[in-house]
Amino acid sequence: MSATKPTRKNPPPQSNPLQLITRTDVMELLSISRSTLHRLVQRGVLNPVSITSDCPRYRVVEVEQLILSGGGGATEKVAS
């Protein structure tokens, strides 16, 4: 009997420095909400690349660095 591995909805991103992913992909990879993603952008932790005004993309390498660093404060509360 061979055990099958569960498949992920989205495979992990490859470390292509030019690869861009959507905000939805970032939110899924980091398990964060859209408002948390917005706070990370405001803090300069992630820097969106503007493809069009309503369609930002994010560099895979930045997201991977954030994951490897332990989230970069993604779960920290922001002072009001």
N, C-alpha and C. Protein backbone atom coordinates (compact mmCIF):
# COMPACT_ATOMS: atom_id res chain seq x y z
N MET A 1 0.82 -1.17 0.00
CA MET A 1 0.00 0.00 0.00
C MET A 1 0.87 1.25 0.00
N SER A 2 0.61 2.16 -0.87
CA SER A 2 1.38 3.40 -0.87
C SER A 2 0.51 4.53 -0.34
N ALA A 3 1.09 5.28 0.56
CA ALA A 3 0.36 6.42 1.13
C ALA A 3 0.48 7.61 0.19
N THR A 4 -0.62 8.29 0.01
CA THR A 4 -0.58 9.48 -0.84
C THR A 4 -0.48 10.71 0.03
N LYS A 5 0.29 11.66 -0.44
CA LYS A 5 0.44 12.91 0.28
C LYS A 5 -0.75 13.81 -0.03
N PRO A 6 -1.24 14.52 0.98
CA PRO A 6 -2.31 15.47 0.69
C PRO A 6 -1.77 16.60 -0.18
N THR A 7 -2.58 17.04 -1.12
CA THR A 7 -2.13 18.12 -2.00
C THR A 7 -2.59 19.46 -1.45
N ARG A 8 -1.74 20.46 -1.61
CA ARG A 8 -2.08 21.82 -1.20
C ARG A 8 -2.90 22.48 -2.28
N LYS A 9 -3.75 23.40 -1.85
CA LYS A 9 -4.54 24.15 -2.82
C LYS A 9 -3.61 24.91 -3.77
N ASN A 10 -2.62 25.60 -3.20
CA ASN A 10 -1.62 26.30 -3.99
C ASN A 10 -0.26 25.74 -3.63
N PRO A 11 0.51 25.30 -4.60
CA PRO A 11 1.84 24.79 -4.28
C PRO A 11 2.72 25.92 -3.76
N PRO A 12 3.74 25.60 -2.95
CA PRO A 12 4.60 26.65 -2.46
C PRO A 12 5.30 27.36 -3.61
N PRO A 13 5.50 28.65 -3.47
CA PRO A 13 6.13 29.40 -4.56
C PRO A 13 7.59 29.00 -4.75
N GLN A 14 8.05 29.10 -5.97
CA GLN A 14 9.45 28.86 -6.28
C GLN A 14 10.22 30.15 -6.06
N SER A 15 11.51 30.06 -5.79
CA SER A 15 12.31 31.23 -5.47
C SER A 15 12.82 31.95 -6.70
N ASN A 16 11.96 32.25 -7.62
CA ASN A 16 12.31 33.05 -8.78
C ASN A 16 12.20 34.51 -8.36
N PRO A 17 13.31 35.27 -8.36
CA PRO A 17 13.25 36.64 -7.87
C PRO A 17 12.32 37.56 -8.67
N LEU A 18 11.94 37.15 -9.86
CA LEU A 18 11.06 37.98 -10.68
C LEU A 18 9.60 37.56 -10.59
N GLN A 19 9.33 36.44 -9.94
CA GLN A 19 7.95 35.94 -9.88
C GLN A 19 7.10 36.81 -8.96
N LEU A 20 5.90 37.12 -9.42
CA LEU A 20 4.94 37.92 -8.67
C LEU A 20 3.71 37.09 -8.38
N ILE A 21 3.11 37.32 -7.22
CA ILE A 21 1.89 36.60 -6.86
C ILE A 21 0.82 37.61 -6.42
N THR A 22 -0.41 37.17 -6.43
CA THR A 22 -1.55 38.04 -6.09
C THR A 22 -1.65 38.24 -4.58
N ARG A 23 -2.43 39.24 -4.20
CA ARG A 23 -2.65 39.48 -2.77
C ARG A 23 -3.36 38.29 -2.13
N THR A 24 -4.25 37.63 -2.87
CA THR A 24 -4.93 36.45 -2.34
C THR A 24 -3.93 35.35 -2.03
N ASP A 25 -2.97 35.14 -2.94
CA ASP A 25 -1.92 34.14 -2.70
C ASP A 25 -1.11 34.48 -1.46
N VAL A 26 -0.77 35.75 -1.29
CA VAL A 26 0.00 36.19 -0.12
C VAL A 26 -0.80 35.90 1.15
N MET A 27 -2.07 36.27 1.14
CA MET A 27 -2.91 36.07 2.32
C MET A 27 -3.02 34.59 2.67
N GLU A 28 -3.14 33.73 1.66
CA GLU A 28 -3.22 32.29 1.91
C GLU A 28 -1.90 31.74 2.43
N LEU A 29 -0.78 32.14 1.81
CA LEU A 29 0.52 31.64 2.23
C LEU A 29 0.87 32.05 3.66
N LEU A 30 0.49 33.27 4.04
CA LEU A 30 0.80 33.77 5.38
C LEU A 30 -0.32 33.54 6.38
N SER A 31 -1.46 33.05 5.90
CA SER A 31 -2.65 32.85 6.75
C SER A 31 -3.03 34.14 7.47
N ILE A 32 -3.16 35.21 6.68
CA ILE A 32 -3.52 36.51 7.23
C ILE A 32 -4.72 37.08 6.50
N SER A 33 -5.32 38.09 7.11
CA SER A 33 -6.46 38.76 6.48
C SER A 33 -5.97 39.88 5.56
N ARG A 34 -6.90 40.42 4.82
CA ARG A 34 -6.56 41.52 3.92
C ARG A 34 -6.11 42.76 4.70
N SER A 35 -6.73 43.01 5.85
CA SER A 35 -6.32 44.17 6.65
C SER A 35 -4.91 43.99 7.21
N THR A 36 -4.54 42.76 7.57
CA THR A 36 -3.17 42.51 8.04
C THR A 36 -2.19 42.71 6.91
N LEU A 37 -2.53 42.26 5.72
CA LEU A 37 -1.68 42.48 4.56
C LEU A 37 -1.50 43.98 4.33
N HIS A 38 -2.58 44.73 4.46
CA HIS A 38 -2.50 46.18 4.29
C HIS A 38 -1.54 46.80 5.31
N ARG A 39 -1.60 46.34 6.57
CA ARG A 39 -0.69 46.84 7.60
C ARG A 39 0.76 46.50 7.28
N LEU A 40 1.01 45.30 6.76
CA LEU A 40 2.38 44.92 6.39
C LEU A 40 2.91 45.82 5.28
N VAL A 41 2.03 46.19 4.35
CA VAL A 41 2.43 47.10 3.27
C VAL A 41 2.70 48.49 3.85
N GLN A 42 1.85 48.96 4.75
CA GLN A 42 2.05 50.27 5.37
C GLN A 42 3.36 50.35 6.13
N ARG A 43 3.75 49.26 6.78
CA ARG A 43 5.00 49.20 7.55
C ARG A 43 6.23 49.04 6.65
N GLY A 44 6.01 48.71 5.39
CA GLY A 44 7.13 48.50 4.49
C GLY A 44 7.70 47.10 4.54
N VAL A 45 6.98 46.18 5.20
CA VAL A 45 7.43 44.80 5.29
C VAL A 45 7.29 44.12 3.93
N LEU A 46 6.19 44.41 3.24
CA LEU A 46 5.97 43.93 1.87
C LEU A 46 5.77 45.14 0.97
N ASN A 47 6.30 45.06 -0.22
CA ASN A 47 6.21 46.17 -1.16
C ASN A 47 5.50 45.72 -2.43
N PRO A 48 4.25 46.16 -2.62
CA PRO A 48 3.52 45.74 -3.81
C PRO A 48 4.12 46.31 -5.08
N VAL A 49 3.98 45.54 -6.14
CA VAL A 49 4.37 45.98 -7.48
C VAL A 49 3.08 46.32 -8.20
N SER A 50 2.98 47.53 -8.72
CA SER A 50 1.74 47.95 -9.38
C SER A 50 1.72 47.48 -10.83
N ILE A 51 0.83 46.56 -11.10
CA ILE A 51 0.59 46.11 -12.47
C ILE A 51 -0.48 47.02 -13.07
N THR A 52 -1.57 47.16 -12.34
CA THR A 52 -2.61 48.16 -12.62
C THR A 52 -2.99 48.77 -11.28
N SER A 53 -3.78 49.82 -11.29
CA SER A 53 -4.10 50.50 -10.04
C SER A 53 -4.86 49.63 -9.04
N ASP A 54 -5.63 48.68 -9.52
CA ASP A 54 -6.42 47.84 -8.61
C ASP A 54 -5.94 46.39 -8.57
N CYS A 55 -4.73 46.14 -9.04
CA CYS A 55 -4.26 44.76 -9.12
C CYS A 55 -2.79 44.65 -8.68
N PRO A 56 -2.51 44.89 -7.37
CA PRO A 56 -1.13 44.81 -6.92
C PRO A 56 -0.63 43.37 -6.92
N ARG A 57 0.65 43.22 -7.12
CA ARG A 57 1.31 41.91 -7.05
C ARG A 57 2.45 42.03 -6.06
N TYR A 58 2.88 40.89 -5.54
CA TYR A 58 3.92 40.87 -4.53
C TYR A 58 5.03 39.91 -4.95
N ARG A 59 6.26 40.28 -4.61
CA ARG A 59 7.41 39.45 -4.97
C ARG A 59 7.45 38.22 -4.08
N VAL A 60 7.59 37.05 -4.72
CA VAL A 60 7.65 35.80 -3.99
C VAL A 60 8.80 35.81 -2.99
N VAL A 61 9.94 36.36 -3.38
CA VAL A 61 11.11 36.35 -2.49
C VAL A 61 10.83 37.14 -1.21
N GLU A 62 10.07 38.23 -1.29
CA GLU A 62 9.74 38.99 -0.09
C GLU A 62 8.82 38.19 0.83
N VAL A 63 7.87 37.48 0.24
CA VAL A 63 6.95 36.67 1.03
C VAL A 63 7.72 35.53 1.69
N GLU A 64 8.62 34.88 0.94
CA GLU A 64 9.42 33.80 1.50
C GLU A 64 10.30 34.30 2.64
N GLN A 65 10.89 35.48 2.48
CA GLN A 65 11.72 36.06 3.55
C GLN A 65 10.88 36.32 4.80
N LEU A 66 9.66 36.78 4.60
CA LEU A 66 8.75 37.04 5.71
C LEU A 66 8.42 35.74 6.44
N ILE A 67 8.18 34.68 5.69
CA ILE A 67 7.88 33.37 6.29
C ILE A 67 9.09 32.88 7.08
N LEU A 68 10.27 32.95 6.48
CA LEU A 68 11.49 32.47 7.13
C LEU A 68 11.85 33.27 8.37
N SER A 69 11.47 34.54 8.40
CA SER A 69 11.79 35.38 9.55
C SER A 69 10.77 35.24 10.67
N GLY A 70 9.81 34.37 10.48
CA GLY A 70 8.82 34.16 11.53
C GLY A 70 7.61 35.06 11.42
N GLY A 71 7.37 35.62 10.27
CA GLY A 71 6.17 36.41 10.05
C GLY A 71 6.38 37.90 10.01
N GLY A 72 7.53 38.37 10.44
CA GLY A 72 7.82 39.79 10.36
C GLY A 72 6.83 40.69 11.05
N GLY A 73 6.24 40.18 12.14
CA GLY A 73 5.26 41.01 12.85
C GLY A 73 3.87 40.91 12.30
N ALA A 74 3.62 39.92 11.46
CA ALA A 74 2.30 39.78 10.86
C ALA A 74 1.23 39.56 11.91
N THR A 75 1.61 38.99 13.07
CA THR A 75 0.61 38.74 14.10
C THR A 75 0.66 39.77 15.22
N GLU A 76 1.56 40.75 15.12
CA GLU A 76 1.63 41.79 16.14
C GLU A 76 0.44 42.73 16.02
N LYS A 77 0.02 43.27 17.15
CA LYS A 77 -1.05 44.26 17.13
C LYS A 77 -0.46 45.62 16.77
N VAL A 78 -1.21 46.37 16.02
CA VAL A 78 -0.81 47.71 15.64
C VAL A 78 -1.43 48.69 16.62
N ALA A 79 -0.62 49.62 17.14
CA ALA A 79 -1.14 50.61 18.07
C ALA A 79 -2.15 51.50 17.36
N SER A 80 -3.25 51.76 18.04
CA SER A 80 -4.31 52.60 17.44
C SER A 80 -3.95 54.06 17.49
